[in-house]
Every structure is written in C-alpha cells, then in structure tokens.
Amino acid sequence: MFGLGMQEIIVIALIILLLFGGKKIPELMKGLGKGVKSFKDGMKDIDDDKSDDKSSSEK
C-alpha cells in the first residue's frame, strides 16, 4: 500500500488520533467518504457525456 509498512501506518493512525481525537474521526471519515463518492459520480458523468458525444457525432 503506497510503499508503507505496518509500522508507518500505525504511526500515522496514532498521529491522526492525537490531532483530531476519537470523537472527530468518524465525522472526518464520513466527510471523506462523501467527497470520494461525489468525485466518482462526477467522473462517471464526464465519461457518460463523452460516450454520448461520440455516439451522436457518429450519426
């Protein structure tokens, strides 16, 4: 996973826990998940628009 070992991941997780606290992490992950979903939906819309343009220009 990106060249990170288990020790590095644990250190990063502990730093995040110390910075944001245990109660904020679920809120942050929820926001991150919504952002990723929005990004994927946007990319899907762009792909759909490209395929629609190709099919209409071929006619």
N, C-alpha and C. Protein backbone atom coordinates (compact mmCIF):
# COMPACT_ATOMS: atom_id res chain seq x y z
N MET A 1 0.84 -1.18 0.00
CA MET A 1 0.00 0.00 0.00
C MET A 1 0.89 1.24 0.00
N PHE A 2 1.15 1.80 -1.16
CA PHE A 2 1.94 3.01 -1.33
C PHE A 2 3.34 2.90 -0.73
N GLY A 3 3.86 1.71 -0.61
CA GLY A 3 5.19 1.53 -0.07
C GLY A 3 5.30 1.75 1.43
N LEU A 4 4.16 1.76 2.13
CA LEU A 4 4.17 1.95 3.58
C LEU A 4 4.08 0.60 4.28
N GLY A 5 4.88 0.45 5.30
CA GLY A 5 4.81 -0.75 6.11
C GLY A 5 3.78 -0.61 7.22
N MET A 6 3.59 -1.67 7.95
CA MET A 6 2.59 -1.66 9.02
C MET A 6 2.96 -0.66 10.12
N GLN A 7 4.23 -0.53 10.43
CA GLN A 7 4.66 0.40 11.47
C GLN A 7 4.35 1.84 11.08
N GLU A 8 4.59 2.20 9.82
CA GLU A 8 4.31 3.56 9.37
C GLU A 8 2.82 3.87 9.43
N ILE A 9 2.00 2.90 9.04
CA ILE A 9 0.55 3.09 9.08
C ILE A 9 0.07 3.29 10.51
N ILE A 10 0.62 2.52 11.44
CA ILE A 10 0.24 2.65 12.85
C ILE A 10 0.65 4.03 13.38
N VAL A 11 1.83 4.49 13.03
CA VAL A 11 2.30 5.81 13.49
C VAL A 11 1.39 6.90 12.93
N ILE A 12 1.04 6.82 11.65
CA ILE A 12 0.16 7.81 11.04
C ILE A 12 -1.21 7.79 11.72
N ALA A 13 -1.74 6.61 11.99
CA ALA A 13 -3.04 6.49 12.66
C ALA A 13 -2.99 7.10 14.06
N LEU A 14 -1.92 6.87 14.78
CA LEU A 14 -1.80 7.45 16.12
C LEU A 14 -1.70 8.98 16.08
N ILE A 15 -0.98 9.50 15.10
CA ILE A 15 -0.88 10.96 14.97
C ILE A 15 -2.25 11.55 14.66
N ILE A 16 -2.99 10.91 13.77
CA ILE A 16 -4.34 11.40 13.44
C ILE A 16 -5.23 11.34 14.68
N LEU A 17 -5.13 10.27 15.43
CA LEU A 17 -5.92 10.13 16.65
C LEU A 17 -5.59 11.23 17.65
N LEU A 18 -4.31 11.55 17.79
CA LEU A 18 -3.91 12.60 18.72
C LEU A 18 -4.35 13.99 18.24
N LEU A 19 -4.29 14.23 16.95
CA LEU A 19 -4.65 15.54 16.42
C LEU A 19 -6.15 15.81 16.48
N PHE A 20 -6.94 14.83 16.12
CA PHE A 20 -8.38 15.06 15.97
C PHE A 20 -9.21 14.50 17.12
N GLY A 21 -8.69 13.57 17.87
CA GLY A 21 -9.46 12.98 18.95
C GLY A 21 -10.37 11.88 18.43
N GLY A 22 -10.80 11.03 19.33
CA GLY A 22 -11.60 9.87 18.96
C GLY A 22 -12.99 10.20 18.45
N LYS A 23 -13.56 11.30 18.92
CA LYS A 23 -14.94 11.62 18.52
C LYS A 23 -15.02 12.27 17.14
N LYS A 24 -13.97 12.93 16.71
CA LYS A 24 -13.99 13.62 15.42
C LYS A 24 -13.68 12.69 14.24
N ILE A 25 -12.99 11.60 14.50
CA ILE A 25 -12.55 10.72 13.40
C ILE A 25 -13.74 10.16 12.60
N PRO A 26 -14.81 9.66 13.23
CA PRO A 26 -15.94 9.18 12.41
C PRO A 26 -16.55 10.28 11.53
N GLU A 27 -16.61 11.49 12.05
CA GLU A 27 -17.13 12.61 11.25
C GLU A 27 -16.21 12.89 10.07
N LEU A 28 -14.90 12.85 10.29
CA LEU A 28 -13.95 13.08 9.22
C LEU A 28 -14.05 12.00 8.15
N MET A 29 -14.18 10.75 8.57
CA MET A 29 -14.28 9.65 7.62
C MET A 29 -15.58 9.73 6.82
N LYS A 30 -16.65 10.14 7.47
CA LYS A 30 -17.93 10.31 6.79
C LYS A 30 -17.81 11.39 5.71
N GLY A 31 -17.20 12.50 6.06
CA GLY A 31 -16.99 13.57 5.09
C GLY A 31 -16.09 13.14 3.94
N LEU A 32 -15.05 12.38 4.27
CA LEU A 32 -14.14 11.88 3.25
C LEU A 32 -14.87 10.93 2.31
N GLY A 33 -15.70 10.06 2.87
CA GLY A 33 -16.48 9.13 2.04
C GLY A 33 -17.43 9.85 1.11
N LYS A 34 -18.08 10.90 1.62
CA LYS A 34 -18.98 11.68 0.76
C LYS A 34 -18.21 12.37 -0.36
N GLY A 35 -17.04 12.86 -0.03
CA GLY A 35 -16.21 13.51 -1.04
C GLY A 35 -15.77 12.55 -2.14
N VAL A 36 -15.35 11.36 -1.75
CA VAL A 36 -14.94 10.35 -2.72
C VAL A 36 -16.11 9.94 -3.59
N LYS A 37 -17.30 9.75 -2.98
CA LYS A 37 -18.49 9.37 -3.74
C LYS A 37 -18.85 10.46 -4.74
N SER A 38 -18.78 11.71 -4.32
CA SER A 38 -19.08 12.83 -5.20
C SER A 38 -18.09 12.88 -6.36
N PHE A 39 -16.83 12.65 -6.08
CA PHE A 39 -15.81 12.64 -7.12
C PHE A 39 -16.07 11.53 -8.12
N LYS A 40 -16.39 10.33 -7.63
CA LYS A 40 -16.67 9.21 -8.53
C LYS A 40 -17.89 9.48 -9.39
N ASP A 41 -18.94 10.06 -8.79
CA ASP A 41 -20.14 10.40 -9.55
C ASP A 41 -19.82 11.42 -10.63
N GLY A 42 -19.00 12.40 -10.31
CA GLY A 42 -18.60 13.40 -11.29
C GLY A 42 -17.81 12.80 -12.44
N MET A 43 -16.90 11.89 -12.11
CA MET A 43 -16.12 11.23 -13.16
C MET A 43 -17.02 10.36 -14.04
N LYS A 44 -18.01 9.72 -13.43
CA LYS A 44 -18.94 8.88 -14.19
C LYS A 44 -19.76 9.76 -15.14
N ASP A 45 -20.19 10.92 -14.67
CA ASP A 45 -20.95 11.84 -15.52
C ASP A 45 -20.11 12.30 -16.71
N ILE A 46 -18.84 12.58 -16.47
CA ILE A 46 -17.95 13.00 -17.55
C ILE A 46 -17.81 11.89 -18.57
N ASP A 47 -17.61 10.65 -18.11
CA ASP A 47 -17.49 9.51 -19.02
C ASP A 47 -18.78 9.32 -19.82
N ASP A 48 -19.93 9.48 -19.16
CA ASP A 48 -21.22 9.34 -19.85
C ASP A 48 -21.38 10.42 -20.92
N ASP A 49 -20.97 11.64 -20.59
CA ASP A 49 -21.06 12.74 -21.56
C ASP A 49 -20.17 12.48 -22.77
N LYS A 50 -18.97 11.95 -22.52
CA LYS A 50 -18.06 11.65 -23.62
C LYS A 50 -18.64 10.58 -24.53
N SER A 51 -19.23 9.53 -23.94
CA SER A 51 -19.79 8.46 -24.76
C SER A 51 -21.02 8.95 -25.52
N ASP A 52 -21.80 9.86 -24.92
CA ASP A 52 -22.94 10.44 -25.62
C ASP A 52 -22.50 11.29 -26.80
N ASP A 53 -21.42 12.05 -26.61
CA ASP A 53 -20.90 12.89 -27.69
C ASP A 53 -20.38 12.05 -28.84
N LYS A 54 -19.70 10.95 -28.53
CA LYS A 54 -19.18 10.07 -29.57
C LYS A 54 -20.30 9.43 -30.36
N SER A 55 -21.34 8.97 -29.68
CA SER A 55 -22.44 8.29 -30.37
C SER A 55 -23.25 9.26 -31.21
N SER A 56 -23.39 10.51 -30.77
CA SER A 56 -24.16 11.49 -31.55
C SER A 56 -23.35 12.01 -32.73
N SER A 57 -22.01 12.06 -32.62
CA SER A 57 -21.20 12.55 -33.73
C SER A 57 -21.02 11.50 -34.81
N GLU A 58 -21.22 10.23 -34.47
CA GLU A 58 -21.08 9.17 -35.45
C GLU A 58 -22.29 9.07 -36.37
N LYS A 59 -23.40 9.63 -35.98
CA LYS A 59 -24.62 9.52 -36.79
C LYS A 59 -24.62 10.46 -37.95
